[in-house]
Amino acid sequence: MYAATEYTGAFLDTLNAKYVNDLKERASWLIDRFGKMSDLELDRYIRSNIGKWGAEFESESVLWLNEVVYE
């Protein structure tokens, strides 16, 4: 899991301003949309919708499985 630390702000300040603004907008949307869900609720939501989101998640899933096998 990823989380902000005390160094996050300084790191983001080094990135392109448009990229950072877009990133902040997406993070804010995620918090608004999913922030109150428990881990179990979020897991259920993802599992019930992943098939609707396209092949990009399927290929990432295959890559993740390969990483687990080789670890």
PDB file of N, CA and C in Angstrom:
ATOM      1  N   MET A   1       0.836  -1.154   0.000  1.00  0.00           N
ATOM      2  CA  MET A   1       0.000   0.000   0.000  1.00  0.00           C
ATOM      3  C   MET A   1       0.897   1.238   0.000  1.00  0.00           C
ATOM      4  N   TYR A   2       0.450   2.285  -0.662  1.00  0.00           N
ATOM      5  CA  TYR A   2       1.185   3.529  -0.734  1.00  0.00           C
ATOM      6  C   TYR A   2       0.550   4.541   0.202  1.00  0.00           C
ATOM      7  N   ALA A   3       1.393   5.380   0.784  1.00  0.00           N
ATOM      8  CA  ALA A   3       0.899   6.423   1.682  1.00  0.00           C
ATOM      9  C   ALA A   3       1.862   7.601   1.636  1.00  0.00           C
ATOM     10  N   ALA A   4       1.331   8.773   1.898  1.00  0.00           N
ATOM     11  CA  ALA A   4       2.162   9.977   1.947  1.00  0.00           C
ATOM     12  C   ALA A   4       2.985   9.966   3.239  1.00  0.00           C
ATOM     13  N   THR A   5       4.181  10.520   3.140  1.00  0.00           N
ATOM     14  CA  THR A   5       5.044  10.673   4.311  1.00  0.00           C
ATOM     15  C   THR A   5       5.396  12.144   4.467  1.00  0.00           C
ATOM     16  N   GLU A   6       6.244  12.452   5.413  1.00  0.00           N
ATOM     17  CA  GLU A   6       6.656  13.835   5.618  1.00  0.00           C
ATOM     18  C   GLU A   6       7.443  14.388   4.429  1.00  0.00           C
ATOM     19  N   TYR A   7       7.959  13.504   3.571  1.00  0.00           N
ATOM     20  CA  TYR A   7       8.749  13.926   2.410  1.00  0.00           C
ATOM     21  C   TYR A   7       7.929  14.051   1.128  1.00  0.00           C
ATOM     22  N   THR A   8       6.678  13.681   1.172  1.00  0.00           N
ATOM     23  CA  THR A   8       5.846  13.665  -0.034  1.00  0.00           C
ATOM     24  C   THR A   8       5.721  15.041  -0.675  1.00  0.00           C
ATOM     25  N   GLY A   9       5.443  16.051   0.123  1.00  0.00           N
ATOM     26  CA  GLY A   9       5.282  17.406  -0.409  1.00  0.00           C
ATOM     27  C   GLY A   9       6.517  17.881  -1.148  1.00  0.00           C
ATOM     28  N   ALA A  10       7.684  17.682  -0.561  1.00  0.00           N
ATOM     29  CA  ALA A  10       8.939  18.101  -1.195  1.00  0.00           C
ATOM     30  C   ALA A  10       9.169  17.343  -2.496  1.00  0.00           C
ATOM     31  N   PHE A  11       8.862  16.056  -2.495  1.00  0.00           N
ATOM     32  CA  PHE A  11       9.003  15.269  -3.709  1.00  0.00           C
ATOM     33  C   PHE A  11       8.080  15.786  -4.803  1.00  0.00           C
ATOM     34  N   LEU A  12       6.826  16.025  -4.455  1.00  0.00           N
ATOM     35  CA  LEU A  12       5.866  16.495  -5.457  1.00  0.00           C
ATOM     36  C   LEU A  12       6.240  17.867  -5.994  1.00  0.00           C
ATOM     37  N   ASP A  13       6.869  18.688  -5.173  1.00  0.00           N
ATOM     38  CA  ASP A  13       7.297  20.009  -5.625  1.00  0.00           C
ATOM     39  C   ASP A  13       8.351  19.930  -6.719  1.00  0.00           C
ATOM     40  N   THR A  14       9.071  18.825  -6.801  1.00  0.00           N
ATOM     41  CA  THR A  14      10.097  18.680  -7.833  1.00  0.00           C
ATOM     42  C   THR A  14       9.524  18.245  -9.175  1.00  0.00           C
ATOM     43  N   LEU A  15       8.284  17.803  -9.194  1.00  0.00           N
ATOM     44  CA  LEU A  15       7.664  17.318 -10.419  1.00  0.00           C
ATOM     45  C   LEU A  15       7.016  18.457 -11.192  1.00  0.00           C
ATOM     46  N   ASN A  16       6.758  18.201 -12.453  1.00  0.00           N
ATOM     47  CA  ASN A  16       6.077  19.150 -13.334  1.00  0.00           C
ATOM     48  C   ASN A  16       4.766  19.602 -12.703  1.00  0.00           C
ATOM     49  N   ALA A  17       4.498  20.890 -12.716  1.00  0.00           N
ATOM     50  CA  ALA A  17       3.323  21.454 -12.046  1.00  0.00           C
ATOM     51  C   ALA A  17       2.010  20.864 -12.569  1.00  0.00           C
ATOM     52  N   LYS A  18       1.864  20.700 -13.877  1.00  0.00           N
ATOM     53  CA  LYS A  18       0.628  20.142 -14.414  1.00  0.00           C
ATOM     54  C   LYS A  18       0.440  18.703 -13.933  1.00  0.00           C
ATOM     55  N   TYR A  19       1.515  17.940 -13.953  1.00  0.00           N
ATOM     56  CA  TYR A  19       1.436  16.558 -13.490  1.00  0.00           C
ATOM     57  C   TYR A  19       1.002  16.508 -12.029  1.00  0.00           C
ATOM     58  N   VAL A  20       1.583  17.347 -11.209  1.00  0.00           N
ATOM     59  CA  VAL A  20       1.250  17.368  -9.781  1.00  0.00           C
ATOM     60  C   VAL A  20      -0.202  17.781  -9.586  1.00  0.00           C
ATOM     61  N   ASN A  21      -0.653  18.788 -10.301  1.00  0.00           N
ATOM     62  CA  ASN A  21      -2.050  19.218 -10.175  1.00  0.00           C
ATOM     63  C   ASN A  21      -3.003  18.114 -10.601  1.00  0.00           C
ATOM     64  N   ASP A  22      -2.681  17.438 -11.693  1.00  0.00           N
ATOM     65  CA  ASP A  22      -3.512  16.306 -12.139  1.00  0.00           C
ATOM     66  C   ASP A  22      -3.511  15.190 -11.094  1.00  0.00           C
ATOM     67  N   LEU A  23      -2.344  14.916 -10.533  1.00  0.00           N
ATOM     68  CA  LEU A  23      -2.220  13.881  -9.505  1.00  0.00           C
ATOM     69  C   LEU A  23      -3.056  14.232  -8.274  1.00  0.00           C
ATOM     70  N   LYS A  24      -2.997  15.482  -7.849  1.00  0.00           N
ATOM     71  CA  LYS A  24      -3.784  15.927  -6.693  1.00  0.00           C
ATOM     72  C   LYS A  24      -5.283  15.818  -6.971  1.00  0.00           C
ATOM     73  N   GLU A  25      -5.699  16.173  -8.178  1.00  0.00           N
ATOM     74  CA  GLU A  25      -7.120  16.056  -8.544  1.00  0.00           C
ATOM     75  C   GLU A  25      -7.573  14.604  -8.490  1.00  0.00           C
ATOM     76  N   ARG A  26      -6.767  13.706  -9.021  1.00  0.00           N
ATOM     77  CA  ARG A  26      -7.124  12.281  -9.002  1.00  0.00           C
ATOM     78  C   ARG A  26      -7.135  11.722  -7.584  1.00  0.00           C
ATOM     79  N   ALA A  27      -6.170  12.133  -6.773  1.00  0.00           N
ATOM     80  CA  ALA A  27      -6.130  11.680  -5.380  1.00  0.00           C
ATOM     81  C   ALA A  27      -7.355  12.185  -4.622  1.00  0.00           C
ATOM     82  N   SER A  28      -7.736  13.413  -4.865  1.00  0.00           N
ATOM     83  CA  SER A  28      -8.920  13.977  -4.220  1.00  0.00           C
ATOM     84  C   SER A  28     -10.182  13.226  -4.643  1.00  0.00           C
ATOM     85  N   TRP A  29     -10.291  12.919  -5.933  1.00  0.00           N
ATOM     86  CA  TRP A  29     -11.441  12.157  -6.423  1.00  0.00           C
ATOM     87  C   TRP A  29     -11.493  10.788  -5.760  1.00  0.00           C
ATOM     88  N   LEU A  30     -10.338  10.123  -5.675  1.00  0.00           N
ATOM     89  CA  LEU A  30     -10.287   8.798  -5.042  1.00  0.00           C
ATOM     90  C   LEU A  30     -10.755   8.860  -3.590  1.00  0.00           C
ATOM     91  N   ILE A  31     -10.292   9.858  -2.873  1.00  0.00           N
ATOM     92  CA  ILE A  31     -10.682  10.001  -1.470  1.00  0.00           C
ATOM     93  C   ILE A  31     -12.176  10.253  -1.360  1.00  0.00           C
ATOM     94  N   ASP A  32     -12.689  11.148  -2.216  1.00  0.00           N
ATOM     95  CA  ASP A  32     -14.132  11.427  -2.190  1.00  0.00           C
ATOM     96  C   ASP A  32     -14.943  10.186  -2.526  1.00  0.00           C
ATOM     97  N   ARG A  33     -14.483   9.412  -3.484  1.00  0.00           N
ATOM     98  CA  ARG A  33     -15.249   8.268  -3.968  1.00  0.00           C
ATOM     99  C   ARG A  33     -15.117   7.034  -3.079  1.00  0.00           C
ATOM    100  N   PHE A  34     -13.910   6.774  -2.587  1.00  0.00           N
ATOM    101  CA  PHE A  34     -13.660   5.511  -1.900  1.00  0.00           C
ATOM    102  C   PHE A  34     -13.153   5.662  -0.465  1.00  0.00           C
ATOM    103  N   GLY A  35     -12.919   6.868  -0.019  1.00  0.00           N
ATOM    104  CA  GLY A  35     -12.287   7.105   1.275  1.00  0.00           C
ATOM    105  C   GLY A  35     -13.012   6.545   2.484  1.00  0.00           C
ATOM    106  N   LYS A  36     -14.326   6.435   2.418  1.00  0.00           N
ATOM    107  CA  LYS A  36     -15.086   5.938   3.563  1.00  0.00           C
ATOM    108  C   LYS A  36     -15.319   4.435   3.529  1.00  0.00           C
ATOM    109  N   MET A  37     -14.859   3.786   2.455  1.00  0.00           N
ATOM    110  CA  MET A  37     -15.035   2.335   2.347  1.00  0.00           C
ATOM    111  C   MET A  37     -14.015   1.618   3.216  1.00  0.00           C
ATOM    112  N   SER A  38     -14.431   0.517   3.797  1.00  0.00           N
ATOM    113  CA  SER A  38     -13.483  -0.346   4.499  1.00  0.00           C
ATOM    114  C   SER A  38     -12.674  -1.098   3.454  1.00  0.00           C
ATOM    115  N   ASP A  39     -11.608  -1.740   3.890  1.00  0.00           N
ATOM    116  CA  ASP A  39     -10.818  -2.558   2.963  1.00  0.00           C
ATOM    117  C   ASP A  39     -11.676  -3.641   2.321  1.00  0.00           C
ATOM    118  N   LEU A  40     -12.541  -4.242   3.113  1.00  0.00           N
ATOM    119  CA  LEU A  40     -13.413  -5.299   2.596  1.00  0.00           C
ATOM    120  C   LEU A  40     -14.393  -4.744   1.564  1.00  0.00           C
ATOM    121  N   GLU A  41     -14.982  -3.592   1.829  1.00  0.00           N
ATOM    122  CA  GLU A  41     -15.909  -2.975   0.865  1.00  0.00           C
ATOM    123  C   GLU A  41     -15.188  -2.612  -0.434  1.00  0.00           C
ATOM    124  N   LEU A  42     -13.987  -2.073  -0.311  1.00  0.00           N
ATOM    125  CA  LEU A  42     -13.218  -1.704  -1.495  1.00  0.00           C
ATOM    126  C   LEU A  42     -12.839  -2.945  -2.296  1.00  0.00           C
ATOM    127  N   ASP A  43     -12.425  -3.992  -1.612  1.00  0.00           N
ATOM    128  CA  ASP A  43     -12.102  -5.252  -2.286  1.00  0.00           C
ATOM    129  C   ASP A  43     -13.314  -5.790  -3.037  1.00  0.00           C
ATOM    130  N   ARG A  44     -14.462  -5.779  -2.402  1.00  0.00           N
ATOM    131  CA  ARG A  44     -15.685  -6.259  -3.062  1.00  0.00           C
ATOM    132  C   ARG A  44     -16.036  -5.395  -4.265  1.00  0.00           C
ATOM    133  N   TYR A  45     -15.896  -4.083  -4.145  1.00  0.00           N
ATOM    134  CA  TYR A  45     -16.188  -3.172  -5.250  1.00  0.00           C
ATOM    135  C   TYR A  45     -15.278  -3.472  -6.441  1.00  0.00           C
ATOM    136  N   ILE A  46     -13.995  -3.607  -6.176  1.00  0.00           N
ATOM    137  CA  ILE A  46     -13.045  -3.877  -7.259  1.00  0.00           C
ATOM    138  C   ILE A  46     -13.347  -5.213  -7.921  1.00  0.00           C
ATOM    139  N   ARG A  47     -13.557  -6.246  -7.114  1.00  0.00           N
ATOM    140  CA  ARG A  47     -13.822  -7.569  -7.687  1.00  0.00           C
ATOM    141  C   ARG A  47     -15.109  -7.595  -8.513  1.00  0.00           C
ATOM    142  N   SER A  48     -16.094  -6.821  -8.116  1.00  0.00           N
ATOM    143  CA  SER A  48     -17.359  -6.835  -8.856  1.00  0.00           C
ATOM    144  C   SER A  48     -17.310  -5.971 -10.114  1.00  0.00           C
ATOM    145  N   ASN A  49     -16.305  -5.109 -10.246  1.00  0.00           N
ATOM    146  CA  ASN A  49     -16.239  -4.198 -11.384  1.00  0.00           C
ATOM    147  C   ASN A  49     -15.033  -4.377 -12.293  1.00  0.00           C
ATOM    148  N   ILE A  50     -14.060  -5.144 -11.900  1.00  0.00           N
ATOM    149  CA  ILE A  50     -12.815  -5.214 -12.671  1.00  0.00           C
ATOM    150  C   ILE A  50     -13.047  -5.687 -14.111  1.00  0.00           C
ATOM    151  N   GLY A  51     -14.016  -6.525 -14.313  1.00  0.00           N
ATOM    152  CA  GLY A  51     -14.308  -6.998 -15.664  1.00  0.00           C
ATOM    153  C   GLY A  51     -14.816  -5.904 -16.587  1.00  0.00           C
ATOM    154  N   LYS A  52     -15.337  -4.824 -16.026  1.00  0.00           N
ATOM    155  CA  LYS A  52     -15.856  -3.712 -16.821  1.00  0.00           C
ATOM    156  C   LYS A  52     -14.769  -2.717 -17.217  1.00  0.00           C
ATOM    157  N   TRP A  53     -13.612  -2.800 -16.612  1.00  0.00           N
ATOM    158  CA  TRP A  53     -12.602  -1.757 -16.763  1.00  0.00           C
ATOM    159  C   TRP A  53     -11.613  -1.990 -17.874  1.00  0.00           C
ATOM    160  N   GLY A  54     -11.621  -3.131 -18.512  1.00  0.00           N
ATOM    161  CA  GLY A  54     -10.785  -3.315 -19.685  1.00  0.00           C
ATOM    162  C   GLY A  54      -9.586  -4.202 -19.476  1.00  0.00           C
ATOM    163  N   ALA A  55      -8.939  -4.467 -20.589  1.00  0.00           N
ATOM    164  CA  ALA A  55      -7.836  -5.421 -20.642  1.00  0.00           C
ATOM    165  C   ALA A  55      -6.591  -4.932 -19.916  1.00  0.00           C
ATOM    166  N   GLU A  56      -6.443  -3.620 -19.721  1.00  0.00           N
ATOM    167  CA  GLU A  56      -5.223  -3.145 -19.074  1.00  0.00           C
ATOM    168  C   GLU A  56      -5.058  -3.731 -17.675  1.00  0.00           C
ATOM    169  N   PHE A  57      -6.159  -3.990 -16.981  1.00  0.00           N
ATOM    170  CA  PHE A  57      -6.068  -4.591 -15.659  1.00  0.00           C
ATOM    171  C   PHE A  57      -5.750  -6.073 -15.751  1.00  0.00           C
ATOM    172  N   GLU A  58      -6.233  -6.718 -16.781  1.00  0.00           N
ATOM    173  CA  GLU A  58      -5.930  -8.135 -16.958  1.00  0.00           C
ATOM    174  C   GLU A  58      -4.444  -8.343 -17.206  1.00  0.00           C
ATOM    175  N   SER A  59      -3.828  -7.516 -18.056  1.00  0.00           N
ATOM    176  CA  SER A  59      -2.407  -7.688 -18.327  1.00  0.00           C
ATOM    177  C   SER A  59      -1.580  -7.349 -17.097  1.00  0.00           C
ATOM    178  N   GLU A  60      -1.982  -6.335 -16.334  1.00  0.00           N
ATOM    179  CA  GLU A  60      -1.264  -6.018 -15.105  1.00  0.00           C
ATOM    180  C   GLU A  60      -1.416  -7.142 -14.099  1.00  0.00           C
ATOM    181  N   SER A  61      -2.578  -7.748 -14.057  1.00  0.00           N
ATOM    182  CA  SER A  61      -2.807  -8.854 -13.145  1.00  0.00           C
ATOM    183  C   SER A  61      -1.891 -10.026 -13.483  1.00  0.00           C
ATOM    184  N   VAL A  62      -1.738 -10.315 -14.763  1.00  0.00           N
ATOM    185  CA  VAL A  62      -0.858 -11.398 -15.194  1.00  0.00           C
ATOM    186  C   VAL A  62       0.573 -11.077 -14.793  1.00  0.00           C
ATOM    187  N   LEU A  63       0.994  -9.834 -14.978  1.00  0.00           N
ATOM    188  CA  LEU A  63       2.343  -9.449 -14.578  1.00  0.00           C
ATOM    189  C   LEU A  63       2.519  -9.591 -13.080  1.00  0.00           C
ATOM    190  N   TRP A  64       1.523  -9.195 -12.308  1.00  0.00           N
ATOM    191  CA  TRP A  64       1.604  -9.316 -10.855  1.00  0.00           C
ATOM    192  C   TRP A  64       1.735 -10.775 -10.440  1.00  0.00           C
ATOM    193  N   LEU A  65       0.977 -11.638 -11.084  1.00  0.00           N
ATOM    194  CA  LEU A  65       1.061 -13.058 -10.755  1.00  0.00           C
ATOM    195  C   LEU A  65       2.458 -13.587 -11.028  1.00  0.00           C
ATOM    196  N   ASN A  66       3.052 -13.138 -12.138  1.00  0.00           N
ATOM    197  CA  ASN A  66       4.413 -13.573 -12.450  1.00  0.00           C
ATOM    198  C   ASN A  66       5.401 -13.098 -11.401  1.00  0.00           C
ATOM    199  N   GLU A  67       5.224 -11.880 -10.896  1.00  0.00           N
ATOM    200  CA  GLU A  67       6.111 -11.359  -9.858  1.00  0.00           C
ATOM    201  C   GLU A  67       5.999 -12.208  -8.592  1.00  0.00           C
ATOM    202  N   VAL A  68       4.790 -12.577  -8.237  1.00  0.00           N
ATOM    203  CA  VAL A  68       4.596 -13.364  -7.034  1.00  0.00           C
ATOM    204  C   VAL A  68       5.263 -14.714  -7.159  1.00  0.00           C
ATOM    205  N   VAL A  69       5.160 -15.328  -8.325  1.00  0.00           N
ATOM    206  CA  VAL A  69       5.745 -16.646  -8.553  1.00  0.00           C
ATOM    207  C   VAL A  69       7.258 -16.590  -8.412  1.00  0.00           C
ATOM    208  N   TYR A  70       7.881 -15.503  -8.870  1.00  0.00           N
ATOM    209  CA  TYR A  70       9.324 -15.424  -8.877  1.00  0.00           C
ATOM    210  C   TYR A  70       9.909 -14.860  -7.597  1.00  0.00           C
ATOM    211  N   GLU A  71       9.111 -14.348  -6.717  1.00  0.00           N
ATOM    212  CA  GLU A  71       9.639 -13.772  -5.474  1.00  0.00           C
ATOM    213  C   GLU A  71      10.080 -14.825  -4.512  1.00  0.00           C
TER     214      GLU A  71
END
